[in-house]
Amino acid sequence: MGDSTVWTLAIAAVTGGTAVLASWVTSRGSTQAAKIQAETAARSQRAERLRESRRTAYLDLIEQTHRIGELYWEISAELRESASSTRNTRLDALLDREIAEYAKIRRCARVVELEGPPSAAAAALALQKATGPFYEALRAGRADGADCQEVFNAAYTPFWKALENFVDSARDAHQTD
C-alpha cells in the first residue's frame, strides 16, 4: 500500500502542478487580452477626441469666415455711399473691426493647422490669406482717398471659393477620420 500512496501523491502533485500551470497560462492570456482591449479602447477614444476637436476647429473657422464676410458686406455698403468725412469715419471704424475679425480668423486657421490633417490646414491657410485683398483695398482706399469699391468687391469671389475649398477639405478629412 505504501507504493500506492506514493503514486497517488505523485499523481496529485503532477495534477496540482498542471492545474497551477494551466491557471497561470490562462491568467497570462486573460491579462494579455485585457491589455489589448484597453489599448484598443484608448486608441478609439483618442481617435474620437481628435475627430471631435477637428470638427470643432473646422466649424469655428467656418463660423468666423461668415462673420468676417458679413463685415465685408457692411464695408461694401459703406463704400457705395458718397465720399464724406462721416463716411471716412465709419470706414475707419469698419477697418478697425476688420483687423479685429482678421485676428479671430487667423486664430481659427491656426487651430485647424494644429489639428490637421495637412490638406485641411493648407485650405485653412488659403482661406485666411483670401482676406488680404479686402484689407489691402480698404487700406489703400483710406490712405489715398481713391475709390476702392471695385477692387474690394472683386475680392469676394476668391474669398468664397477659398471657403468652399476649405469646407471640401474639412469634409474629406472628417469622413476619413
Protein backbone atom coordinates (compact mmCIF):
# COMPACT_ATOMS: atom_id res chain seq x y z
CA MET A 1 0.00 0.00 0.00
CA GLY A 2 2.90 2.29 0.53
CA ASP A 3 3.68 2.28 -3.15
CA SER A 4 0.13 3.21 -3.96
CA THR A 5 0.28 6.21 -1.62
CA VAL A 6 3.48 7.44 -3.22
CA TRP A 7 1.96 7.09 -6.66
CA THR A 8 -1.21 8.81 -5.54
CA LEU A 9 0.82 11.65 -4.08
CA ALA A 10 2.93 11.89 -7.23
CA ILE A 11 -0.14 11.94 -9.44
CA ALA A 12 -1.76 14.52 -7.14
CA ALA A 13 1.38 16.67 -7.30
CA VAL A 14 1.55 16.46 -11.11
CA THR A 15 -2.17 17.17 -11.37
CA GLY A 16 -1.86 20.10 -8.96
CA GLY A 17 1.18 21.42 -10.79
CA THR A 18 -0.65 21.10 -14.09
CA ALA A 19 -3.62 22.96 -12.63
CA VAL A 20 -1.37 25.73 -11.31
CA LEU A 21 0.43 25.96 -14.65
CA ALA A 22 -2.87 25.98 -16.55
CA SER A 23 -4.18 28.69 -14.25
CA TRP A 24 -1.02 30.75 -14.76
CA VAL A 25 -1.22 30.38 -18.57
CA THR A 26 -4.92 31.29 -18.52
CA SER A 27 -4.20 34.26 -16.28
CA ARG A 28 -1.48 35.49 -18.62
CA GLY A 29 -3.81 35.07 -21.57
CA SER A 30 -6.57 36.95 -19.79
CA THR A 31 -4.14 39.69 -18.77
CA GLN A 32 -2.87 39.99 -22.34
CA ALA A 33 -6.41 40.09 -23.70
CA ALA A 34 -7.40 42.76 -21.18
CA LYS A 35 -4.32 44.79 -22.09
CA ILE A 36 -5.13 44.58 -25.81
CA GLN A 37 -8.74 45.51 -25.11
CA ALA A 38 -7.69 48.51 -23.01
CA GLU A 39 -5.23 49.70 -25.67
CA THR A 40 -7.89 49.36 -28.36
CA ALA A 41 -10.40 51.31 -26.27
CA ALA A 42 -7.82 54.03 -25.57
CA ARG A 43 -6.96 54.32 -29.28
CA SER A 44 -10.62 54.53 -30.12
CA GLN A 45 -11.19 57.26 -27.52
CA ARG A 46 -8.16 59.24 -28.77
CA ALA A 47 -9.42 58.96 -32.35
CA GLU A 48 -12.88 60.14 -31.31
CA ARG A 49 -11.45 63.07 -29.32
CA LEU A 50 -9.30 64.05 -32.32
CA ARG A 51 -12.30 63.78 -34.62
CA GLU A 52 -14.38 65.99 -32.34
CA SER A 53 -11.61 68.57 -31.83
CA ARG A 54 -11.08 68.76 -35.59
CA ARG A 55 -14.80 69.13 -36.19
CA THR A 56 -14.97 71.94 -33.65
CA ALA A 57 -11.96 73.68 -35.22
CA TYR A 58 -13.49 73.38 -38.70
CA LEU A 59 -16.84 74.75 -37.54
CA ASP A 60 -15.18 77.64 -35.68
CA LEU A 61 -13.28 78.66 -38.81
CA ILE A 62 -16.40 78.43 -40.97
CA GLU A 63 -18.39 80.49 -38.46
CA GLN A 64 -15.67 83.14 -38.24
CA THR A 65 -15.45 83.26 -42.03
CA HIS A 66 -19.15 84.05 -42.21
CA ARG A 67 -18.76 86.75 -39.55
CA ILE A 68 -15.98 88.45 -41.47
CA GLY A 69 -17.99 88.02 -44.67
CA GLU A 70 -20.87 89.92 -43.08
CA LEU A 71 -18.42 92.66 -42.13
CA TYR A 72 -17.22 92.81 -45.73
CA TRP A 73 -20.81 93.33 -46.85
CA GLU A 74 -21.12 96.22 -44.38
CA ILE A 75 -17.92 97.71 -45.80
CA SER A 76 -19.20 97.27 -49.37
CA ALA A 77 -22.40 99.08 -48.45
CA GLU A 78 -20.40 101.92 -46.91
CA LEU A 79 -18.15 102.13 -49.98
CA ARG A 80 -21.26 102.70 -52.14
CA GLU A 81 -22.03 105.86 -50.16
CA SER A 82 -20.83 109.25 -51.37
CA ALA A 83 -17.44 110.37 -50.11
CA SER A 84 -17.70 112.46 -46.95
CA SER A 85 -15.96 112.91 -43.63
CA THR A 86 -18.75 110.90 -41.96
CA ARG A 87 -18.21 108.06 -44.42
CA ASN A 88 -14.46 108.19 -43.75
CA THR A 89 -15.07 107.97 -40.01
CA ARG A 90 -17.35 104.97 -40.49
CA LEU A 91 -14.79 103.33 -42.80
CA ASP A 92 -12.09 103.87 -40.18
CA ALA A 93 -14.28 102.11 -37.61
CA LEU A 94 -15.00 99.30 -40.07
CA LEU A 95 -11.29 98.94 -40.80
CA ASP A 96 -10.64 98.57 -37.07
CA ARG A 97 -13.35 95.90 -36.88
CA GLU A 98 -11.85 94.15 -39.90
CA ILE A 99 -8.47 93.98 -38.17
CA ALA A 100 -10.12 92.51 -35.04
CA GLU A 101 -12.08 89.96 -37.07
CA TYR A 102 -8.93 89.03 -39.00
CA ALA A 103 -7.21 88.21 -35.71
CA LYS A 104 -10.05 85.81 -34.92
CA ILE A 105 -9.98 84.13 -38.32
CA ARG A 106 -6.20 83.81 -38.05
CA ARG A 107 -6.55 82.11 -34.66
CA CYS A 108 -9.18 79.73 -36.05
CA ALA A 109 -6.96 78.88 -39.03
CA ARG A 110 -4.03 78.18 -36.70
CA VAL A 111 -6.16 75.81 -34.64
CA VAL A 112 -7.10 73.94 -37.83
CA GLU A 113 -3.42 73.90 -38.74
CA LEU A 114 -2.65 72.38 -35.35
CA GLU A 115 -5.43 69.80 -35.50
CA GLY A 116 -4.72 68.81 -39.11
CA PRO A 117 -4.65 66.96 -41.37
CA PRO A 118 -2.33 68.80 -43.75
CA SER A 119 -4.95 69.16 -46.51
CA ALA A 120 -7.39 70.92 -44.18
CA ALA A 121 -4.56 73.02 -42.72
CA ALA A 122 -3.49 74.18 -46.19
CA ALA A 123 -7.08 75.06 -47.11
CA ALA A 124 -7.48 76.98 -43.82
CA LEU A 125 -4.32 78.95 -44.52
CA ALA A 126 -5.53 79.74 -48.05
CA LEU A 127 -8.84 80.92 -46.60
CA GLN A 128 -7.04 83.14 -44.12
CA LYS A 129 -4.93 84.63 -46.91
CA ALA A 130 -8.06 85.26 -49.01
CA THR A 131 -8.97 88.01 -46.55
CA GLY A 132 -5.88 90.01 -47.54
CA PRO A 133 -7.26 91.66 -50.70
CA PHE A 134 -10.18 93.14 -48.74
CA TYR A 135 -7.84 94.69 -46.21
CA GLU A 136 -5.39 95.94 -48.81
CA ALA A 137 -8.15 97.51 -50.92
CA LEU A 138 -9.75 99.28 -47.98
CA ARG A 139 -6.44 100.40 -46.51
CA ALA A 140 -5.26 101.76 -49.87
CA GLY A 141 -8.57 103.50 -50.39
CA ARG A 142 -8.38 105.07 -46.94
CA ALA A 143 -4.75 106.13 -47.40
CA ASP A 144 -5.03 107.88 -50.75
CA GLY A 145 -8.77 108.56 -50.86
CA ALA A 146 -9.16 106.60 -54.10
CA ASP A 147 -12.32 104.69 -54.85
CA CYS A 148 -11.53 101.13 -53.79
CA GLN A 149 -15.05 99.71 -54.15
CA GLU A 150 -14.34 97.82 -57.38
CA VAL A 151 -11.14 96.24 -56.05
CA PHE A 152 -12.81 95.46 -52.72
CA ASN A 153 -15.81 93.80 -54.38
CA ALA A 154 -13.55 91.78 -56.71
CA ALA A 155 -12.16 90.00 -53.62
CA TYR A 156 -15.48 88.29 -52.85
CA THR A 157 -15.26 85.54 -55.48
CA PRO A 158 -11.83 84.21 -54.41
CA PHE A 159 -12.79 84.58 -50.74
CA TRP A 160 -15.96 82.48 -51.02
CA LYS A 161 -14.14 80.00 -53.28
CA ALA A 162 -11.46 79.60 -50.59
CA LEU A 163 -14.24 78.89 -48.09
CA GLU A 164 -15.73 76.26 -50.42
CA ASN A 165 -12.30 74.65 -50.81
CA PHE A 166 -11.85 74.60 -47.05
CA VAL A 167 -15.27 73.04 -46.50
CA ASP A 168 -14.47 70.36 -49.09
CA SER A 169 -11.10 69.62 -47.46
CA ALA A 170 -12.62 69.57 -43.99
CA ARG A 171 -15.41 67.24 -45.12
CA ASP A 172 -12.94 64.88 -46.78
CA ALA A 173 -10.73 64.87 -43.68
CA HIS A 174 -13.70 64.35 -41.39
CA GLN A 175 -15.02 61.43 -43.44
CA THR A 176 -11.65 59.67 -43.47
CA ASP A 177 -11.13 60.02 -39.69
